[in-house]
Amino acid sequence: MHLNDYETVFILTPVLSEEQIKDTVDKFHK
């Protein structure tokens, strides 16, 4: 996982919980 990708997801979805963000990032890379 790249930090840049995580930052992008975090910026796009600031209202999501950490678990939801992790799940989104996981799907984003699959």
Protein backbone atom coordinates (compact mmCIF):
# COMPACT_ATOMS: atom_id res chain seq x y z
CA MET A 1 0.00 0.00 0.00
CA HIS A 2 1.34 3.37 -0.99
CA LEU A 3 0.91 6.30 1.38
CA ASN A 4 -0.19 8.46 -1.55
CA ASP A 5 -3.09 6.10 -2.28
CA TYR A 6 -4.11 6.12 1.37
CA GLU A 7 -4.03 9.92 1.45
CA THR A 8 -6.18 10.07 -1.69
CA VAL A 9 -8.77 7.74 -0.18
CA PHE A 10 -8.69 9.64 3.10
CA ILE A 11 -9.24 12.96 1.31
CA LEU A 12 -12.06 11.56 -0.83
CA THR A 13 -13.75 9.85 2.11
CA PRO A 14 -12.98 11.83 5.28
CA VAL A 15 -16.24 10.74 6.92
CA LEU A 16 -15.49 7.02 6.76
CA SER A 17 -14.13 5.13 9.72
CA GLU A 18 -10.63 3.65 9.63
CA GLU A 19 -12.02 0.18 8.97
CA GLN A 20 -14.08 1.42 6.03
CA ILE A 21 -11.07 3.28 4.64
CA LYS A 22 -8.93 0.15 4.88
CA ASP A 23 -11.65 -1.86 3.15
CA THR A 24 -11.91 0.78 0.41
CA VAL A 25 -8.15 0.81 -0.08
CA ASP A 26 -8.12 -2.98 -0.20
CA LYS A 27 -10.79 -3.00 -2.94
CA PHE A 28 -9.03 -0.16 -4.73
CA HIS A 29 -5.93 -2.32 -5.16
CA LYS A 30 -7.83 -5.41 -6.31
